[in-house]
Protein backbone atom coordinates (compact mmCIF):
# COMPACT_ATOMS: atom_id res chain seq x y z
CA MET A 1 -17.42 -0.16 71.65
CA ARG A 2 -17.12 3.15 73.44
CA LYS A 3 -14.99 5.98 72.14
CA LEU A 4 -12.24 6.96 74.55
CA LYS A 5 -12.21 10.39 76.13
CA ASN A 6 -9.12 12.55 75.73
CA SER A 7 -8.39 12.06 79.43
CA GLU A 8 -8.19 8.28 78.84
CA LEU A 9 -5.61 8.45 76.04
CA ASP A 10 -2.55 8.58 78.33
CA ARG A 11 -0.73 11.14 76.18
CA LEU A 12 2.76 12.34 77.01
CA SER A 13 3.27 15.81 78.42
CA ILE A 14 5.56 18.14 76.48
CA GLU A 15 8.37 17.42 78.93
CA GLU A 16 7.81 13.65 78.73
CA PHE A 17 7.83 13.89 74.93
CA LYS A 18 11.11 15.84 74.95
CA GLN A 19 12.73 13.21 77.21
CA SER A 20 11.36 10.13 75.43
CA ASP A 21 13.37 7.84 73.16
CA LYS A 22 12.78 9.02 69.62
CA THR A 23 12.31 7.05 66.43
CA ARG A 24 15.50 7.14 64.37
CA LEU A 25 13.85 9.31 61.73
CA ILE A 26 14.41 12.91 60.66
CA VAL A 27 11.97 14.67 58.34
CA ILE A 28 13.21 17.21 55.80
CA LEU A 29 10.71 19.51 54.08
CA ASP A 30 12.15 20.79 50.79
CA ASN A 31 10.40 24.01 49.73
CA ILE A 32 6.89 23.21 50.97
CA ARG A 33 4.41 26.00 50.13
CA SER A 34 1.35 25.05 52.14
CA LEU A 35 1.33 26.08 55.77
CA ASN A 36 -1.38 23.49 56.45
CA ASN A 37 0.89 20.76 55.03
CA ILE A 38 3.72 21.93 57.27
CA GLY A 39 1.45 21.80 60.32
CA SER A 40 0.21 18.33 59.38
CA VAL A 41 3.80 17.07 59.09
CA PHE A 42 4.51 18.40 62.60
CA ARG A 43 1.47 16.57 63.93
CA THR A 44 2.45 13.29 62.26
CA SER A 45 6.02 13.71 63.51
CA ASP A 46 4.75 14.16 67.05
CA ALA A 47 2.54 11.07 66.80
CA PHE A 48 5.48 8.83 65.85
CA LEU A 49 8.23 10.41 67.99
CA ILE A 50 10.33 11.77 65.11
CA GLU A 51 13.76 13.09 66.16
CA LYS A 52 13.62 16.37 64.27
CA ILE A 53 12.10 18.28 61.36
CA TYR A 54 14.21 20.46 59.07
CA LEU A 55 12.33 23.22 57.26
CA CYS A 56 14.24 24.21 54.12
CA GLY A 57 14.09 26.85 51.41
CA ILE A 58 10.70 28.56 51.13
CA THR A 59 9.16 26.31 53.82
CA ALA A 60 7.60 28.57 56.45
CA THR A 61 8.48 28.23 60.12
CA PRO A 62 6.48 28.44 63.33
CA PRO A 63 4.98 30.41 64.87
CA HIS A 64 2.29 30.97 62.26
CA LYS A 65 -1.48 30.68 62.72
CA ASP A 66 -1.96 28.47 59.64
CA ILE A 67 0.78 26.06 60.75
CA HIS A 68 -0.65 26.06 64.27
CA LYS A 69 -4.15 25.28 62.95
CA THR A 70 -3.09 21.81 61.75
CA ALA A 71 -0.11 21.22 64.06
CA LEU A 72 -2.29 21.47 67.19
CA GLY A 73 0.65 22.30 69.46
CA SER A 74 3.16 19.82 68.00
CA THR A 75 5.47 22.69 67.04
CA GLU A 76 6.15 22.85 70.80
CA THR A 77 7.07 19.15 71.08
CA VAL A 78 8.95 18.19 67.92
CA ASP A 79 12.43 19.67 67.57
CA TRP A 80 12.79 21.68 64.37
CA GLU A 81 15.28 23.90 62.63
CA TYR A 82 15.26 26.12 59.56
CA VAL A 83 18.03 25.56 57.00
CA LYS A 84 18.13 27.61 53.82
CA SER A 85 19.69 24.99 51.52
CA THR A 86 18.26 21.47 51.44
CA LEU A 87 21.30 20.27 49.49
CA ASP A 88 23.76 21.65 52.07
CA LEU A 89 21.72 19.99 54.84
CA VAL A 90 21.69 16.63 53.03
CA GLU A 91 25.47 16.76 52.58
CA LYS A 92 25.96 17.61 56.28
CA LEU A 93 23.66 14.82 57.48
CA LYS A 94 25.38 12.28 55.23
CA ALA A 95 28.77 13.39 56.61
CA ASP A 96 27.34 12.71 60.08
CA GLY A 97 26.48 9.13 59.07
CA ILE A 98 22.75 9.64 58.54
CA LYS A 99 21.22 7.86 55.55
CA VAL A 100 19.24 10.27 53.39
CA ILE A 101 16.21 9.04 51.45
CA SER A 102 14.24 11.18 49.02
CA ILE A 103 10.57 10.28 48.75
CA GLU A 104 10.01 10.63 45.04
CA GLN A 105 9.10 8.88 41.83
CA ALA A 106 12.42 8.20 40.13
CA GLU A 107 14.31 5.67 38.06
CA ASN A 108 15.50 2.75 40.18
CA ALA A 109 13.47 3.87 43.19
CA THR A 110 12.79 1.27 45.87
CA MET A 111 9.12 0.72 46.57
CA LEU A 112 8.22 1.59 50.16
CA ASN A 113 6.81 -1.87 50.84
CA ASP A 114 10.13 -3.43 49.70
CA PHE A 115 12.39 -1.20 51.83
CA ILE A 116 13.94 -2.84 54.88
CA PRO A 117 15.70 -0.37 57.20
CA GLN A 118 18.99 -1.36 58.78
CA PRO A 119 19.11 -1.61 62.57
CA GLN A 120 20.78 1.20 64.51
CA THR A 121 20.65 3.48 61.47
CA THR A 122 19.16 6.95 61.49
CA TYR A 123 17.30 7.94 58.34
CA ALA A 124 16.44 11.41 57.06
CA ILE A 125 13.48 11.39 54.69
CA VAL A 126 13.05 14.25 52.24
CA PHE A 127 9.61 15.39 51.10
CA GLY A 128 9.40 17.85 48.21
CA ASN A 129 7.41 20.77 46.94
CA GLU A 130 3.74 20.19 46.19
CA VAL A 131 4.22 20.80 42.44
CA LYS A 132 7.89 20.13 41.64
CA GLY A 133 8.69 17.44 44.20
CA VAL A 134 12.15 16.99 45.68
CA GLN A 135 14.80 19.05 43.86
CA GLN A 136 16.77 16.91 41.38
CA GLN A 137 20.08 17.91 42.97
CA VAL A 138 18.77 16.68 46.33
CA VAL A 139 17.60 13.41 44.74
CA ASP A 140 21.09 13.05 43.21
CA ALA A 141 22.74 13.60 46.61
CA SER A 142 20.46 11.16 48.45
CA ASP A 143 21.59 7.68 49.41
CA MET A 144 18.44 6.28 47.84
CA VAL A 145 14.93 7.08 46.65
CA ILE A 146 11.78 5.47 48.00
CA GLU A 147 8.54 5.56 46.06
CA ILE A 148 5.07 5.02 47.50
CA PRO A 149 3.30 2.47 45.28
CA GLN A 150 0.10 3.89 43.79
CA TYR A 151 -2.41 1.97 41.73
CA GLY A 152 -5.13 4.42 40.69
CA THR A 153 -5.34 7.08 38.01
CA LYS A 154 -3.48 9.76 39.98
CA HIS A 155 0.28 9.64 40.30
CA SER A 156 0.87 11.70 43.41
CA LEU A 157 -0.31 12.16 46.96
CA ASN A 158 -0.54 15.32 49.02
CA ILE A 159 2.78 15.86 50.81
CA SER A 160 1.19 15.56 54.25
CA VAL A 161 -0.44 12.27 53.22
CA SER A 162 2.88 11.02 51.79
CA CYS A 163 4.57 11.90 55.06
CA GLY A 164 1.95 10.03 57.06
CA VAL A 165 2.24 6.92 54.88
CA VAL A 166 6.06 6.85 54.91
CA VAL A 167 6.52 7.75 58.57
CA TRP A 168 3.98 5.13 59.69
CA ASP A 169 5.59 2.45 57.51
CA LEU A 170 9.13 3.23 58.70
CA PHE A 171 8.01 3.60 62.32
CA CYS A 172 6.52 0.09 62.20
CA LYS A 173 9.64 -1.35 60.58
CA LEU A 174 12.05 0.41 62.96
CA LYS A 175 10.14 -0.46 66.14
């Protein structure tokens, strides 16, 4: 096997990305501290044609060199918006008919591998702070909670890893 060169990867231009059909997924970052995590979420969102990212609370916004370092230009392709209150955003999205899912460990959570998305439904997935997770009031306002099954000694994943796992899984199920 021969590794492909970048010129052989047939990547979309920024304009082609903007005009392409997006995956019916919105990512919400609830008070994310790490600029590298934020950049990584942008990069994952670009890779799987996410509709939009909402940056909430203390989550930093582009342009910033530490976001750019991991985003590798995806802040220019993925639509994003800053909203101060995650809870207000969740309530607005739900009023617009979008199903909101917190990614968290909670009572009665649905395991990611058991979740079956409904056709023609747009989902907003909420990822929480690196230490405290998704705010309880946001969990309470969500339509449901999805948990990533974990089998080792640790009981959490880095937020950018969680985003990659969940977005890939939902992308596959929605496509």
